[in-house]
Amino acid sequence: MKANIPVSALIITFLCAALGTGCVCKKDPDRYYDPGKRFSVRFPKDWEISQGVKGTVVMAEIPSEDGMRAIRENVNIIVEDLEKEMRVSEYFQRQMFGLKKLTGAVTVMRGTSDIDGADARWFIYSYRTQSLGFRSLVCVFVKGRQGYVITCLTEEDTFEQYADQFDEILKSFRFE
């Protein structure tokens, strides 16, 4: 004797499986997705994206200017597995302690923000190495037992030129 499975039960099972795995969602082709670290972000289309460079999960750099600048302005994201859950204020202090190790770094500004529902702290700092000046916006936030650091780095004299793009990149960050 054959078991009859109601069609409605099959449909419900299929929908639950599809919704649970996210397979009915279309991915935005203009976003960078990292399924392992479970986030996505939108970088400017003409920026060059690299994965796993210099300890980062991802780094996006402005298009090359034929070596005319000392550095290529970039945004990089680091995701750290934390040994325990911690508040964003604790994780922020950890980052500030690390900044103190950078000789000559000066914190220019600090503030709070929201990154996809997570409380965030940010700071802007400047530093000089020999004749070159750099400026960086660093945004720090925590979700569960993962700490996130998004760093936006420029030469000091180009920071304002990229500030709006950095803001858009930060606003585009999503937990997946």
N, C-alpha and C. Protein backbone atom coordinates (compact mmCIF):
# COMPACT_ATOMS: atom_id res chain seq x y z
N MET A 1 0.83 -1.17 0.00
CA MET A 1 0.00 0.00 0.00
C MET A 1 0.89 1.25 0.00
N LYS A 2 0.61 2.20 -0.87
CA LYS A 2 1.38 3.43 -0.97
C LYS A 2 0.88 4.43 0.06
N ALA A 3 1.85 5.16 0.64
CA ALA A 3 1.47 6.22 1.57
C ALA A 3 1.18 7.47 0.75
N ASN A 4 0.07 8.07 1.00
CA ASN A 4 -0.28 9.31 0.31
C ASN A 4 0.13 10.50 1.17
N ILE A 5 1.03 11.32 0.63
CA ILE A 5 1.46 12.53 1.32
C ILE A 5 0.69 13.69 0.71
N PRO A 6 -0.03 14.42 1.53
CA PRO A 6 -0.80 15.53 0.98
C PRO A 6 0.12 16.53 0.28
N VAL A 7 -0.34 17.06 -0.84
CA VAL A 7 0.43 18.02 -1.63
C VAL A 7 0.75 19.25 -0.78
N SER A 8 -0.18 19.67 0.06
CA SER A 8 0.07 20.85 0.89
C SER A 8 1.25 20.61 1.84
N ALA A 9 1.41 19.39 2.34
CA ALA A 9 2.54 19.09 3.23
C ALA A 9 3.85 19.18 2.48
N LEU A 10 3.88 18.73 1.23
CA LEU A 10 5.09 18.84 0.42
C LEU A 10 5.44 20.30 0.14
N ILE A 11 4.43 21.10 -0.16
CA ILE A 11 4.67 22.52 -0.45
C ILE A 11 5.21 23.21 0.79
N ILE A 12 4.60 22.95 1.94
CA ILE A 12 5.06 23.57 3.19
C ILE A 12 6.49 23.15 3.49
N THR A 13 6.80 21.87 3.33
CA THR A 13 8.16 21.38 3.58
C THR A 13 9.15 22.07 2.65
N PHE A 14 8.83 22.18 1.37
CA PHE A 14 9.70 22.84 0.40
C PHE A 14 9.92 24.30 0.76
N LEU A 15 8.86 25.03 1.10
CA LEU A 15 8.99 26.44 1.44
C LEU A 15 9.82 26.64 2.70
N CYS A 16 9.60 25.80 3.70
CA CYS A 16 10.38 25.93 4.93
C CYS A 16 11.86 25.69 4.66
N ALA A 17 12.17 24.69 3.86
CA ALA A 17 13.57 24.41 3.52
C ALA A 17 14.17 25.55 2.71
N ALA A 18 13.42 26.06 1.76
CA ALA A 18 13.93 27.15 0.91
C ALA A 18 14.15 28.42 1.72
N LEU A 19 13.21 28.76 2.57
CA LEU A 19 13.35 29.99 3.37
C LEU A 19 14.45 29.83 4.41
N GLY A 20 14.59 28.66 4.96
CA GLY A 20 15.62 28.42 5.97
C GLY A 20 17.02 28.52 5.43
N THR A 21 17.23 28.16 4.17
CA THR A 21 18.58 28.21 3.60
C THR A 21 18.85 29.49 2.87
N GLY A 22 17.84 30.32 2.71
CA GLY A 22 18.05 31.58 2.02
C GLY A 22 18.11 31.43 0.51
N CYS A 23 17.75 30.29 -0.04
CA CYS A 23 17.93 30.08 -1.47
C CYS A 23 16.90 30.82 -2.31
N VAL A 24 15.85 31.36 -1.70
CA VAL A 24 14.89 32.11 -2.49
C VAL A 24 15.29 33.59 -2.60
N CYS A 25 16.37 33.98 -1.90
CA CYS A 25 16.81 35.36 -1.94
C CYS A 25 17.82 35.54 -3.07
N LYS A 26 17.65 36.58 -3.84
CA LYS A 26 18.63 36.89 -4.87
C LYS A 26 19.73 37.74 -4.25
N LYS A 27 20.96 37.42 -4.61
CA LYS A 27 22.06 38.23 -4.14
C LYS A 27 22.26 39.41 -5.07
N ASP A 28 22.59 40.53 -4.48
CA ASP A 28 22.85 41.75 -5.21
C ASP A 28 24.25 41.64 -5.84
N PRO A 29 24.36 41.67 -7.16
CA PRO A 29 25.67 41.50 -7.80
C PRO A 29 26.65 42.65 -7.52
N ASP A 30 26.15 43.76 -6.98
CA ASP A 30 27.02 44.90 -6.69
C ASP A 30 27.57 44.88 -5.27
N ARG A 31 27.31 43.79 -4.54
CA ARG A 31 27.79 43.67 -3.17
C ARG A 31 28.87 42.60 -3.09
N TYR A 32 29.79 42.80 -2.16
CA TYR A 32 30.76 41.76 -1.82
C TYR A 32 30.13 40.93 -0.71
N TYR A 33 30.11 39.61 -0.86
CA TYR A 33 29.55 38.71 0.14
C TYR A 33 30.66 37.83 0.70
N ASP A 34 30.68 37.67 2.00
CA ASP A 34 31.58 36.72 2.63
C ASP A 34 30.72 35.75 3.44
N PRO A 35 30.41 34.59 2.86
CA PRO A 35 29.52 33.66 3.56
C PRO A 35 30.14 33.08 4.83
N GLY A 36 31.46 32.95 4.87
CA GLY A 36 32.11 32.40 6.05
C GLY A 36 32.00 33.33 7.25
N LYS A 37 32.19 34.61 7.03
CA LYS A 37 32.11 35.60 8.10
C LYS A 37 30.72 36.23 8.19
N ARG A 38 29.85 35.85 7.25
CA ARG A 38 28.42 36.20 7.26
C ARG A 38 28.15 37.69 7.23
N PHE A 39 28.76 38.37 6.24
CA PHE A 39 28.46 39.78 6.03
C PHE A 39 28.54 40.10 4.55
N SER A 40 27.97 41.23 4.20
CA SER A 40 28.12 41.76 2.85
C SER A 40 28.31 43.26 2.95
N VAL A 41 28.87 43.84 1.89
CA VAL A 41 29.15 45.27 1.86
C VAL A 41 29.23 45.69 0.40
N ARG A 42 28.92 46.94 0.15
CA ARG A 42 28.98 47.46 -1.22
C ARG A 42 30.16 48.41 -1.33
N PHE A 43 31.09 48.09 -2.24
CA PHE A 43 32.22 48.94 -2.54
C PHE A 43 31.95 49.65 -3.88
N PRO A 44 32.58 50.79 -4.11
CA PRO A 44 32.43 51.43 -5.43
C PRO A 44 32.81 50.45 -6.55
N LYS A 45 32.08 50.49 -7.64
CA LYS A 45 32.24 49.51 -8.72
C LYS A 45 33.64 49.45 -9.31
N ASP A 46 34.32 50.59 -9.37
CA ASP A 46 35.64 50.59 -10.01
C ASP A 46 36.79 50.28 -9.05
N TRP A 47 36.50 50.03 -7.78
CA TRP A 47 37.55 49.69 -6.83
C TRP A 47 37.96 48.24 -7.00
N GLU A 48 39.22 47.95 -6.74
CA GLU A 48 39.76 46.59 -6.88
C GLU A 48 39.64 45.86 -5.54
N ILE A 49 39.03 44.68 -5.58
CA ILE A 49 38.76 43.93 -4.36
C ILE A 49 39.71 42.73 -4.27
N SER A 50 40.32 42.58 -3.08
CA SER A 50 41.20 41.45 -2.80
C SER A 50 40.74 40.80 -1.50
N GLN A 51 40.92 39.50 -1.42
CA GLN A 51 40.53 38.77 -0.22
C GLN A 51 41.77 38.24 0.49
N GLY A 52 41.73 38.26 1.82
CA GLY A 52 42.80 37.67 2.60
C GLY A 52 44.14 38.36 2.48
N VAL A 53 44.15 39.67 2.27
CA VAL A 53 45.40 40.42 2.11
C VAL A 53 45.78 41.08 3.43
N LYS A 54 47.01 40.89 3.86
CA LYS A 54 47.55 41.55 5.05
C LYS A 54 46.65 41.38 6.28
N GLY A 55 46.15 40.18 6.50
CA GLY A 55 45.34 39.90 7.67
C GLY A 55 43.89 40.32 7.59
N THR A 56 43.45 40.81 6.42
CA THR A 56 42.07 41.25 6.28
C THR A 56 41.20 40.13 5.71
N VAL A 57 39.90 40.27 5.90
CA VAL A 57 38.95 39.39 5.21
C VAL A 57 38.85 39.88 3.77
N VAL A 58 38.73 41.21 3.62
CA VAL A 58 38.62 41.82 2.29
C VAL A 58 39.23 43.21 2.33
N MET A 59 39.82 43.60 1.20
CA MET A 59 40.35 44.95 1.03
C MET A 59 39.89 45.45 -0.34
N ALA A 60 39.37 46.68 -0.35
CA ALA A 60 38.96 47.31 -1.61
C ALA A 60 39.82 48.57 -1.77
N GLU A 61 40.48 48.67 -2.92
CA GLU A 61 41.38 49.79 -3.18
C GLU A 61 40.89 50.61 -4.36
N ILE A 62 41.18 51.91 -4.31
CA ILE A 62 40.84 52.75 -5.45
C ILE A 62 41.62 52.26 -6.67
N PRO A 63 41.15 52.56 -7.87
CA PRO A 63 41.89 52.15 -9.06
C PRO A 63 43.31 52.72 -9.03
N SER A 64 44.24 51.97 -9.55
CA SER A 64 45.64 52.38 -9.57
C SER A 64 45.81 53.69 -10.34
N GLU A 65 46.64 54.56 -9.80
CA GLU A 65 46.93 55.83 -10.46
C GLU A 65 48.36 55.81 -11.01
N ASP A 66 48.76 54.65 -11.53
CA ASP A 66 50.10 54.50 -12.12
C ASP A 66 51.21 54.86 -11.15
N GLY A 67 51.03 54.52 -9.89
CA GLY A 67 52.07 54.73 -8.90
C GLY A 67 52.31 56.17 -8.51
N MET A 68 51.36 57.04 -8.78
CA MET A 68 51.56 58.46 -8.50
C MET A 68 51.40 58.78 -7.01
N ARG A 69 50.80 57.91 -6.23
CA ARG A 69 50.58 58.16 -4.81
C ARG A 69 51.42 57.17 -3.99
N ALA A 70 51.71 57.56 -2.77
CA ALA A 70 52.49 56.69 -1.89
C ALA A 70 51.70 55.44 -1.51
N ILE A 71 50.39 55.60 -1.31
CA ILE A 71 49.53 54.45 -1.03
C ILE A 71 48.29 54.56 -1.90
N ARG A 72 47.60 53.44 -2.04
CA ARG A 72 46.29 53.47 -2.69
C ARG A 72 45.25 53.52 -1.59
N GLU A 73 44.40 54.54 -1.65
CA GLU A 73 43.35 54.66 -0.65
C GLU A 73 42.55 53.37 -0.65
N ASN A 74 42.15 52.92 0.54
CA ASN A 74 41.47 51.63 0.61
C ASN A 74 40.56 51.55 1.83
N VAL A 75 39.70 50.54 1.76
CA VAL A 75 38.86 50.15 2.88
C VAL A 75 39.13 48.68 3.11
N ASN A 76 39.41 48.31 4.35
CA ASN A 76 39.59 46.89 4.64
C ASN A 76 38.76 46.49 5.84
N ILE A 77 38.42 45.22 5.86
CA ILE A 77 37.57 44.68 6.92
C ILE A 77 38.28 43.50 7.56
N ILE A 78 38.36 43.55 8.87
CA ILE A 78 38.91 42.45 9.67
C ILE A 78 37.78 41.94 10.56
N VAL A 79 37.65 40.63 10.65
CA VAL A 79 36.67 40.01 11.55
C VAL A 79 37.45 39.10 12.48
N GLU A 80 37.31 39.37 13.77
CA GLU A 80 38.05 38.62 14.78
C GLU A 80 37.10 37.75 15.59
N ASP A 81 37.42 36.47 15.72
CA ASP A 81 36.66 35.60 16.61
C ASP A 81 37.10 35.91 18.03
N LEU A 82 36.14 36.33 18.85
CA LEU A 82 36.44 36.73 20.22
C LEU A 82 36.37 35.53 21.16
N GLU A 83 37.21 35.54 22.18
CA GLU A 83 37.23 34.43 23.14
C GLU A 83 35.98 34.41 24.01
N LYS A 84 35.32 35.58 24.12
CA LYS A 84 34.08 35.69 24.88
C LYS A 84 33.27 36.84 24.30
N GLU A 85 31.99 36.85 24.61
CA GLU A 85 31.19 37.99 24.17
C GLU A 85 31.65 39.22 24.92
N MET A 86 31.66 40.35 24.23
CA MET A 86 32.04 41.60 24.89
C MET A 86 31.23 42.74 24.32
N ARG A 87 31.13 43.78 25.11
CA ARG A 87 30.44 44.99 24.67
C ARG A 87 31.31 45.72 23.67
N VAL A 88 30.66 46.53 22.84
CA VAL A 88 31.42 47.28 21.84
C VAL A 88 32.39 48.24 22.52
N SER A 89 32.04 48.77 23.67
CA SER A 89 32.94 49.69 24.37
C SER A 89 34.25 48.99 24.76
N GLU A 90 34.17 47.72 25.17
CA GLU A 90 35.38 46.95 25.49
C GLU A 90 36.23 46.72 24.25
N TYR A 91 35.57 46.33 23.17
CA TYR A 91 36.29 46.05 21.93
C TYR A 91 36.92 47.34 21.38
N PHE A 92 36.20 48.45 21.52
CA PHE A 92 36.73 49.74 21.09
C PHE A 92 37.99 50.09 21.87
N GLN A 93 37.97 49.89 23.19
CA GLN A 93 39.14 50.19 24.01
C GLN A 93 40.33 49.32 23.61
N ARG A 94 40.06 48.09 23.23
CA ARG A 94 41.12 47.20 22.76
C ARG A 94 41.77 47.79 21.50
N GLN A 95 40.95 48.32 20.59
CA GLN A 95 41.48 48.92 19.36
C GLN A 95 42.25 50.19 19.66
N MET A 96 41.75 50.99 20.59
CA MET A 96 42.44 52.23 20.96
C MET A 96 43.80 51.91 21.61
N PHE A 97 43.87 50.85 22.39
CA PHE A 97 45.13 50.43 22.99
C PHE A 97 46.13 50.06 21.89
N GLY A 98 45.65 49.36 20.86
CA GLY A 98 46.51 49.02 19.73
C GLY A 98 47.02 50.25 19.00
N LEU A 99 46.16 51.27 18.88
CA LEU A 99 46.55 52.50 18.19
C LEU A 99 47.68 53.20 18.94
N LYS A 100 47.70 53.11 20.27
CA LYS A 100 48.75 53.75 21.06
C LYS A 100 50.13 53.20 20.72
N LYS A 101 50.18 51.98 20.17
CA LYS A 101 51.46 51.38 19.78
C LYS A 101 52.01 52.00 18.50
N LEU A 102 51.18 52.71 17.76
CA LEU A 102 51.60 53.35 16.52
C LEU A 102 52.20 54.71 16.87
N THR A 103 53.50 54.79 16.87
CA THR A 103 54.20 56.00 17.28
C THR A 103 53.78 57.19 16.43
N GLY A 104 53.38 58.24 17.11
CA GLY A 104 53.02 59.48 16.42
C GLY A 104 51.57 59.56 15.99
N ALA A 105 50.77 58.53 16.24
CA ALA A 105 49.35 58.57 15.87
C ALA A 105 48.60 59.53 16.79
N VAL A 106 47.75 60.34 16.19
CA VAL A 106 46.96 61.32 16.94
C VAL A 106 45.49 61.10 16.61
N THR A 107 44.68 60.87 17.65
CA THR A 107 43.24 60.73 17.44
C THR A 107 42.66 62.11 17.18
N VAL A 108 41.99 62.27 16.05
CA VAL A 108 41.44 63.55 15.62
C VAL A 108 40.00 63.71 16.08
N MET A 109 39.24 62.62 16.04
CA MET A 109 37.81 62.69 16.34
C MET A 109 37.32 61.28 16.71
N ARG A 110 36.24 61.21 17.50
CA ARG A 110 35.59 59.94 17.85
C ARG A 110 34.10 60.13 17.87
N GLY A 111 33.39 59.00 17.74
CA GLY A 111 31.95 59.08 17.81
C GLY A 111 31.31 57.71 17.89
N THR A 112 29.98 57.70 17.88
CA THR A 112 29.21 56.47 17.90
C THR A 112 28.36 56.42 16.64
N SER A 113 27.96 55.21 16.29
CA SER A 113 27.16 55.01 15.09
C SER A 113 26.37 53.72 15.24
N ASP A 114 25.72 53.33 14.17
CA ASP A 114 24.95 52.10 14.09
C ASP A 114 25.32 51.42 12.78
N ILE A 115 25.74 50.18 12.85
CA ILE A 115 26.06 49.42 11.64
C ILE A 115 25.09 48.24 11.59
N ASP A 116 24.12 48.32 10.71
CA ASP A 116 23.11 47.27 10.53
C ASP A 116 22.53 46.80 11.87
N GLY A 117 22.20 47.75 12.73
CA GLY A 117 21.57 47.44 14.01
C GLY A 117 22.55 47.21 15.15
N ALA A 118 23.83 47.12 14.86
CA ALA A 118 24.84 46.92 15.92
C ALA A 118 25.40 48.27 16.35
N ASP A 119 25.52 48.46 17.67
CA ASP A 119 26.17 49.67 18.16
C ASP A 119 27.60 49.67 17.69
N ALA A 120 28.07 50.83 17.24
CA ALA A 120 29.43 50.94 16.72
C ALA A 120 30.11 52.15 17.33
N ARG A 121 31.41 52.09 17.38
CA ARG A 121 32.25 53.21 17.80
C ARG A 121 33.23 53.46 16.64
N TRP A 122 33.57 54.72 16.43
CA TRP A 122 34.52 55.03 15.38
C TRP A 122 35.48 56.11 15.87
N PHE A 123 36.62 56.15 15.22
CA PHE A 123 37.58 57.21 15.48
C PHE A 123 38.35 57.49 14.20
N ILE A 124 38.82 58.71 14.11
CA ILE A 124 39.68 59.13 13.00
C ILE A 124 41.03 59.48 13.61
N TYR A 125 42.08 58.95 13.02
CA TYR A 125 43.41 59.30 13.50
C TYR A 125 44.31 59.65 12.33
N SER A 126 45.35 60.40 12.65
CA SER A 126 46.38 60.77 11.68
C SER A 126 47.73 60.32 12.21
N TYR A 127 48.63 60.03 11.30
CA TYR A 127 50.01 59.75 11.69
C TYR A 127 50.93 60.05 10.52
N ARG A 128 52.19 60.23 10.86
CA ARG A 128 53.19 60.55 9.84
C ARG A 128 54.32 59.53 9.92
N THR A 129 54.81 59.16 8.77
CA THR A 129 56.02 58.35 8.69
C THR A 129 56.96 59.09 7.76
N GLN A 130 58.06 59.51 8.27
CA GLN A 130 59.02 60.34 7.53
C GLN A 130 58.29 61.53 6.93
N SER A 131 58.18 61.60 5.61
CA SER A 131 57.56 62.78 4.99
C SER A 131 56.10 62.55 4.58
N LEU A 132 55.56 61.37 4.86
CA LEU A 132 54.19 61.06 4.44
C LEU A 132 53.21 61.14 5.60
N GLY A 133 52.05 61.76 5.34
CA GLY A 133 50.99 61.82 6.33
C GLY A 133 49.83 60.94 5.91
N PHE A 134 49.22 60.24 6.87
CA PHE A 134 48.10 59.35 6.60
C PHE A 134 46.95 59.72 7.53
N ARG A 135 45.75 59.44 7.09
CA ARG A 135 44.57 59.63 7.92
C ARG A 135 43.69 58.39 7.73
N SER A 136 43.08 57.98 8.84
CA SER A 136 42.29 56.76 8.79
C SER A 136 41.03 56.90 9.63
N LEU A 137 39.93 56.40 9.10
CA LEU A 137 38.67 56.27 9.82
C LEU A 137 38.55 54.79 10.19
N VAL A 138 38.36 54.51 11.47
CA VAL A 138 38.24 53.14 11.94
C VAL A 138 36.88 52.98 12.62
N CYS A 139 36.10 52.02 12.17
CA CYS A 139 34.79 51.74 12.75
C CYS A 139 34.83 50.35 13.38
N VAL A 140 34.40 50.25 14.63
CA VAL A 140 34.50 49.04 15.42
C VAL A 140 33.11 48.65 15.93
N PHE A 141 32.76 47.37 15.77
CA PHE A 141 31.49 46.89 16.31
C PHE A 141 31.58 45.40 16.57
N VAL A 142 30.61 44.90 17.32
CA VAL A 142 30.61 43.50 17.76
C VAL A 142 29.24 42.91 17.47
N LYS A 143 29.25 41.66 17.03
CA LYS A 143 28.00 40.90 16.91
C LYS A 143 28.29 39.49 17.41
N GLY A 144 27.62 39.13 18.49
CA GLY A 144 27.87 37.82 19.09
C GLY A 144 29.31 37.75 19.57
N ARG A 145 30.02 36.73 19.11
CA ARG A 145 31.42 36.55 19.50
C ARG A 145 32.37 36.90 18.36
N GLN A 146 31.95 37.86 17.53
CA GLN A 146 32.83 38.34 16.47
C GLN A 146 33.00 39.85 16.59
N GLY A 147 34.24 40.29 16.51
CA GLY A 147 34.56 41.71 16.50
C GLY A 147 34.89 42.14 15.08
N TYR A 148 34.35 43.26 14.66
CA TYR A 148 34.54 43.78 13.30
C TYR A 148 35.29 45.10 13.37
N VAL A 149 36.26 45.24 12.48
CA VAL A 149 37.00 46.50 12.35
C VAL A 149 37.02 46.85 10.86
N ILE A 150 36.43 47.98 10.53
CA ILE A 150 36.47 48.49 9.16
C ILE A 150 37.38 49.71 9.18
N THR A 151 38.43 49.65 8.39
CA THR A 151 39.41 50.74 8.34
C THR A 151 39.41 51.37 6.96
N CYS A 152 39.30 52.68 6.93
CA CYS A 152 39.31 53.46 5.69
C CYS A 152 40.57 54.31 5.73
N LEU A 153 41.52 54.05 4.84
CA LEU A 153 42.84 54.66 4.90
C LEU A 153 43.13 55.51 3.67
N THR A 154 43.66 56.71 3.90
CA THR A 154 44.06 57.59 2.81
C THR A 154 45.35 58.31 3.19
N GLU A 155 45.94 58.95 2.19
CA GLU A 155 46.97 59.93 2.51
C GLU A 155 46.22 61.09 3.17
N GLU A 156 46.91 61.81 4.03
CA GLU A 156 46.24 62.85 4.81
C GLU A 156 45.54 63.89 3.95
N ASP A 157 46.14 64.26 2.85
CA ASP A 157 45.56 65.34 2.04
C ASP A 157 44.40 64.90 1.15
N THR A 158 44.08 63.58 1.11
CA THR A 158 42.95 63.13 0.29
C THR A 158 41.77 62.62 1.11
N PHE A 159 41.87 62.67 2.44
CA PHE A 159 40.82 62.10 3.28
C PHE A 159 39.44 62.70 2.97
N GLU A 160 39.35 63.99 2.92
CA GLU A 160 38.05 64.64 2.66
C GLU A 160 37.49 64.25 1.30
N GLN A 161 38.34 64.03 0.34
CA GLN A 161 37.92 63.62 -1.00
C GLN A 161 37.18 62.28 -0.98
N TYR A 162 37.55 61.39 -0.06
CA TYR A 162 36.96 60.06 0.01
C TYR A 162 35.97 59.89 1.16
N ALA A 163 35.80 60.89 2.00
CA ALA A 163 34.97 60.76 3.20
C ALA A 163 33.54 60.31 2.88
N ASP A 164 32.91 60.88 1.85
CA ASP A 164 31.54 60.48 1.50
C ASP A 164 31.48 59.03 1.03
N GLN A 165 32.47 58.59 0.26
CA GLN A 165 32.49 57.19 -0.17
C GLN A 165 32.66 56.26 1.02
N PHE A 166 33.54 56.63 1.95
CA PHE A 166 33.71 55.82 3.15
C PHE A 166 32.40 55.71 3.91
N ASP A 167 31.69 56.80 4.05
CA ASP A 167 30.41 56.80 4.75
C ASP A 167 29.41 55.87 4.07
N GLU A 168 29.34 55.92 2.75
CA GLU A 168 28.43 55.04 2.00
C GLU A 168 28.80 53.57 2.17
N ILE A 169 30.09 53.27 2.17
CA ILE A 169 30.53 51.89 2.37
C ILE A 169 30.11 51.40 3.75
N LEU A 170 30.35 52.21 4.78
CA LEU A 170 29.95 51.83 6.14
C LEU A 170 28.44 51.61 6.24
N LYS A 171 27.67 52.50 5.64
CA LYS A 171 26.21 52.36 5.69
C LYS A 171 25.73 51.12 4.94
N SER A 172 26.51 50.63 3.98
CA SER A 172 26.08 49.48 3.18
C SER A 172 26.35 48.14 3.86
N PHE A 173 27.11 48.11 4.94
CA PHE A 173 27.46 46.87 5.61
C PHE A 173 26.21 46.17 6.12
N ARG A 174 26.11 44.87 5.87
CA ARG A 174 24.98 44.06 6.34
C ARG A 174 25.47 42.74 6.89
N PHE A 175 24.85 42.31 7.99
CA PHE A 175 25.07 40.96 8.48
C PHE A 175 24.23 40.03 7.63
N GLU A 176 24.77 38.91 7.26
CA GLU A 176 24.04 37.95 6.41
C GLU A 176 23.69 36.70 7.19
